[in-house]
Amino acid sequence: MAYGKAIELFLVNGTADSLITAELSNWNGRQLRFPGRKSLIVNEKT
């Protein structure tokens, strides 16, 4: 049985063409998207 996932996006400056952070439920990490650059994935150690 497949379970759903929740993705939370945060628009840092309130617009989609600026810095965006993304968090996936039940995952120890965060993804940052910088305008005009590739994404950066940060794994947080607990």
PDB file of N, CA and C in Angstrom:
ATOM      1  N   MET A   1       0.830  -1.173   0.000  1.00  0.00           N
ATOM      2  CA  MET A   1       0.000   0.000   0.000  1.00  0.00           C
ATOM      3  C   MET A   1       0.885   1.249   0.000  1.00  0.00           C
ATOM      4  N   ALA A   2       0.608   2.173  -0.885  1.00  0.00           N
ATOM      5  CA  ALA A   2       1.375   3.415  -0.979  1.00  0.00           C
ATOM      6  C   ALA A   2       0.799   4.460  -0.015  1.00  0.00           C
ATOM      7  N   TYR A   3       1.690   5.232   0.578  1.00  0.00           N
ATOM      8  CA  TYR A   3       1.281   6.290   1.492  1.00  0.00           C
ATOM      9  C   TYR A   3       1.604   7.643   0.881  1.00  0.00           C
ATOM     10  N   GLY A   4       0.789   8.626   1.178  1.00  0.00           N
ATOM     11  CA  GLY A   4       1.006   9.970   0.657  1.00  0.00           C
ATOM     12  C   GLY A   4       2.135  10.682   1.382  1.00  0.00           C
ATOM     13  N   LYS A   5       2.663  11.684   0.750  1.00  0.00           N
ATOM     14  CA  LYS A   5       3.716  12.524   1.320  1.00  0.00           C
ATOM     15  C   LYS A   5       3.255  13.972   1.287  1.00  0.00           C
ATOM     16  N   ALA A   6       3.679  14.748   2.248  1.00  0.00           N
ATOM     17  CA  ALA A   6       3.373  16.174   2.284  1.00  0.00           C
ATOM     18  C   ALA A   6       4.650  16.953   1.985  1.00  0.00           C
ATOM     19  N   ILE A   7       4.559  17.895   1.063  1.00  0.00           N
ATOM     20  CA  ILE A   7       5.682  18.761   0.718  1.00  0.00           C
ATOM     21  C   ILE A   7       5.314  20.180   1.121  1.00  0.00           C
ATOM     22  N   GLU A   8       6.186  20.808   1.910  1.00  0.00           N
ATOM     23  CA  GLU A   8       5.950  22.183   2.344  1.00  0.00           C
ATOM     24  C   GLU A   8       6.927  23.101   1.619  1.00  0.00           C
ATOM     25  N   LEU A   9       6.403  24.064   0.882  1.00  0.00           N
ATOM     26  CA  LEU A   9       7.218  25.056   0.189  1.00  0.00           C
ATOM     27  C   LEU A   9       7.106  26.380   0.920  1.00  0.00           C
ATOM     28  N   PHE A  10       8.229  27.057   1.090  1.00  0.00           N
ATOM     29  CA  PHE A  10       8.237  28.362   1.728  1.00  0.00           C
ATOM     30  C   PHE A  10       8.890  29.352   0.786  1.00  0.00           C
ATOM     31  N   LEU A  11       8.138  30.368   0.364  1.00  0.00           N
ATOM     32  CA  LEU A  11       8.653  31.422  -0.503  1.00  0.00           C
ATOM     33  C   LEU A  11       9.240  32.511   0.398  1.00  0.00           C
ATOM     34  N   VAL A  12      10.558  32.555   0.491  1.00  0.00           N
ATOM     35  CA  VAL A  12      11.239  33.406   1.464  1.00  0.00           C
ATOM     36  C   VAL A  12      10.882  34.882   1.287  1.00  0.00           C
ATOM     37  N   ASN A  13      10.872  35.366   0.049  1.00  0.00           N
ATOM     38  CA  ASN A  13      10.538  36.772  -0.205  1.00  0.00           C
ATOM     39  C   ASN A  13       9.100  36.954  -0.667  1.00  0.00           C
ATOM     40  N   GLY A  14       8.319  35.902  -0.644  1.00  0.00           N
ATOM     41  CA  GLY A  14       6.913  36.001  -1.029  1.00  0.00           C
ATOM     42  C   GLY A  14       6.655  35.857  -2.513  1.00  0.00           C
ATOM     43  N   THR A  15       7.689  35.605  -3.310  1.00  0.00           N
ATOM     44  CA  THR A  15       7.509  35.411  -4.752  1.00  0.00           C
ATOM     45  C   THR A  15       8.193  34.122  -5.185  1.00  0.00           C
ATOM     46  N   ALA A  16       7.689  33.529  -6.267  1.00  0.00           N
ATOM     47  CA  ALA A  16       8.213  32.253  -6.743  1.00  0.00           C
ATOM     48  C   ALA A  16       9.556  32.392  -7.454  1.00  0.00           C
ATOM     49  N   ASP A  17       9.961  33.599  -7.804  1.00  0.00           N
ATOM     50  CA  ASP A  17      11.244  33.765  -8.494  1.00  0.00           C
ATOM     51  C   ASP A  17      12.372  34.170  -7.544  1.00  0.00           C
ATOM     52  N   SER A  18      12.168  33.975  -6.242  1.00  0.00           N
ATOM     53  CA  SER A  18      13.208  34.250  -5.250  1.00  0.00           C
ATOM     54  C   SER A  18      13.571  32.937  -4.553  1.00  0.00           C
ATOM     55  N   LEU A  19      14.252  33.038  -3.428  1.00  0.00           N
ATOM     56  CA  LEU A  19      14.676  31.857  -2.677  1.00  0.00           C
ATOM     57  C   LEU A  19      13.465  31.057  -2.206  1.00  0.00           C
ATOM     58  N   ILE A  20      13.503  29.731  -2.426  1.00  0.00           N
ATOM     59  CA  ILE A  20      12.424  28.825  -2.006  1.00  0.00           C
ATOM     60  C   ILE A  20      13.055  27.696  -1.198  1.00  0.00           C
ATOM     61  N   THR A  21      12.453  27.370  -0.058  1.00  0.00           N
ATOM     62  CA  THR A  21      12.870  26.188   0.685  1.00  0.00           C
ATOM     63  C   THR A  21      11.760  25.155   0.587  1.00  0.00           C
ATOM     64  N   ALA A  22      12.139  23.879   0.578  1.00  0.00           N
ATOM     65  CA  ALA A  22      11.172  22.794   0.487  1.00  0.00           C
ATOM     66  C   ALA A  22      11.507  21.737   1.524  1.00  0.00           C
ATOM     67  N   GLU A  23      10.488  21.240   2.188  1.00  0.00           N
ATOM     68  CA  GLU A  23      10.654  20.169   3.164  1.00  0.00           C
ATOM     69  C   GLU A  23       9.673  19.058   2.845  1.00  0.00           C
ATOM     70  N   LEU A  24      10.147  17.827   2.887  1.00  0.00           N
ATOM     71  CA  LEU A  24       9.324  16.648   2.627  1.00  0.00           C
ATOM     72  C   LEU A  24       9.042  15.965   3.956  1.00  0.00           C
ATOM     73  N   SER A  25       7.788  15.615   4.195  1.00  0.00           N
ATOM     74  CA  SER A  25       7.436  14.991   5.465  1.00  0.00           C
ATOM     75  C   SER A  25       8.186  13.673   5.638  1.00  0.00           C
ATOM     76  N   ASN A  26       8.584  13.394   6.869  1.00  0.00           N
ATOM     77  CA  ASN A  26       9.253  12.159   7.242  1.00  0.00           C
ATOM     78  C   ASN A  26      10.608  12.010   6.547  1.00  0.00           C
ATOM     79  N   TRP A  27      11.309  13.123   6.305  1.00  0.00           N
ATOM     80  CA  TRP A  27      12.636  13.094   5.692  1.00  0.00           C
ATOM     81  C   TRP A  27      13.505  14.095   6.421  1.00  0.00           C
ATOM     82  N   ASN A  28      14.703  13.708   6.783  1.00  0.00           N
ATOM     83  CA  ASN A  28      15.621  14.587   7.513  1.00  0.00           C
ATOM     84  C   ASN A  28      16.471  15.383   6.539  1.00  0.00           C
ATOM     85  N   GLY A  29      15.900  16.387   5.976  1.00  0.00           N
ATOM     86  CA  GLY A  29      16.656  17.223   5.050  1.00  0.00           C
ATOM     87  C   GLY A  29      15.825  18.392   4.582  1.00  0.00           C
ATOM     88  N   ARG A  30      16.457  19.239   3.783  1.00  0.00           N
ATOM     89  CA  ARG A  30      15.785  20.422   3.262  1.00  0.00           C
ATOM     90  C   ARG A  30      16.406  20.739   1.915  1.00  0.00           C
ATOM     91  N   GLN A  31      15.613  21.234   0.996  1.00  0.00           N
ATOM     92  CA  GLN A  31      16.126  21.649  -0.297  1.00  0.00           C
ATOM     93  C   GLN A  31      15.958  23.147  -0.439  1.00  0.00           C
ATOM     94  N   LEU A  32      17.007  23.805  -0.918  1.00  0.00           N
ATOM     95  CA  LEU A  32      16.977  25.246  -1.152  1.00  0.00           C
ATOM     96  C   LEU A  32      17.106  25.493  -2.645  1.00  0.00           C
ATOM     97  N   ARG A  33      16.279  26.367  -3.192  1.00  0.00           N
ATOM     98  CA  ARG A  33      16.357  26.744  -4.598  1.00  0.00           C
ATOM     99  C   ARG A  33      16.706  28.220  -4.663  1.00  0.00           C
ATOM    100  N   PHE A  34      17.827  28.507  -5.305  1.00  0.00           N
ATOM    101  CA  PHE A  34      18.287  29.872  -5.466  1.00  0.00           C
ATOM    102  C   PHE A  34      17.921  30.350  -6.865  1.00  0.00           C
ATOM    103  N   PRO A  35      17.479  31.565  -7.021  1.00  0.00           N
ATOM    104  CA  PRO A  35      17.134  32.069  -8.354  1.00  0.00           C
ATOM    105  C   PRO A  35      18.360  32.084  -9.262  1.00  0.00           C
ATOM    106  N   GLY A  36      18.208  31.530 -10.464  1.00  0.00           N
ATOM    107  CA  GLY A  36      19.287  31.516 -11.440  1.00  0.00           C
ATOM    108  C   GLY A  36      20.372  30.494 -11.172  1.00  0.00           C
ATOM    109  N   ARG A  37      20.175  29.624 -10.196  1.00  0.00           N
ATOM    110  CA  ARG A  37      21.182  28.613  -9.852  1.00  0.00           C
ATOM    111  C   ARG A  37      20.507  27.258  -9.658  1.00  0.00           C
ATOM    112  N   LYS A  38      21.324  26.234  -9.539  1.00  0.00           N
ATOM    113  CA  LYS A  38      20.802  24.900  -9.279  1.00  0.00           C
ATOM    114  C   LYS A  38      20.343  24.793  -7.831  1.00  0.00           C
ATOM    115  N   SER A  39      19.570  23.750  -7.535  1.00  0.00           N
ATOM    116  CA  SER A  39      19.092  23.522  -6.170  1.00  0.00           C
ATOM    117  C   SER A  39      20.214  22.951  -5.299  1.00  0.00           C
ATOM    118  N   LEU A  40      20.102  23.180  -4.024  1.00  0.00           N
ATOM    119  CA  LEU A  40      21.035  22.648  -3.041  1.00  0.00           C
ATOM    120  C   LEU A  40      20.246  21.806  -2.052  1.00  0.00           C
ATOM    121  N   ILE A  41      20.666  20.568  -1.850  1.00  0.00           N
ATOM    122  CA  ILE A  41      19.987  19.692  -0.898  1.00  0.00           C
ATOM    123  C   ILE A  41      20.856  19.583   0.341  1.00  0.00           C
ATOM    124  N   VAL A  42      20.256  19.851   1.481  1.00  0.00           N
ATOM    125  CA  VAL A  42      20.971  19.830   2.766  1.00  0.00           C
ATOM    126  C   VAL A  42      20.366  18.728   3.608  1.00  0.00           C
ATOM    127  N   ASN A  43      21.192  17.739   4.001  1.00  0.00           N
ATOM    128  CA  ASN A  43      20.728  16.690   4.900  1.00  0.00           C
ATOM    129  C   ASN A  43      21.072  17.091   6.316  1.00  0.00           C
ATOM    130  N   GLU A  44      20.065  17.073   7.162  1.00  0.00           N
ATOM    131  CA  GLU A  44      20.253  17.453   8.556  1.00  0.00           C
ATOM    132  C   GLU A  44      20.441  16.201   9.394  1.00  0.00           C
ATOM    133  N   LYS A  45      21.569  16.103  10.073  1.00  0.00           N
ATOM    134  CA  LYS A  45      21.842  14.959  10.943  1.00  0.00           C
ATOM    135  C   LYS A  45      21.116  15.154  12.264  1.00  0.00           C
ATOM    136  N   THR A  46      20.488  14.083  12.752  1.00  0.00           N
ATOM    137  CA  THR A  46      19.807  14.171  14.047  1.00  0.00           C
ATOM    138  C   THR A  46      20.509  13.329  15.074  1.00  0.00           C
TER     139      THR A  46
END
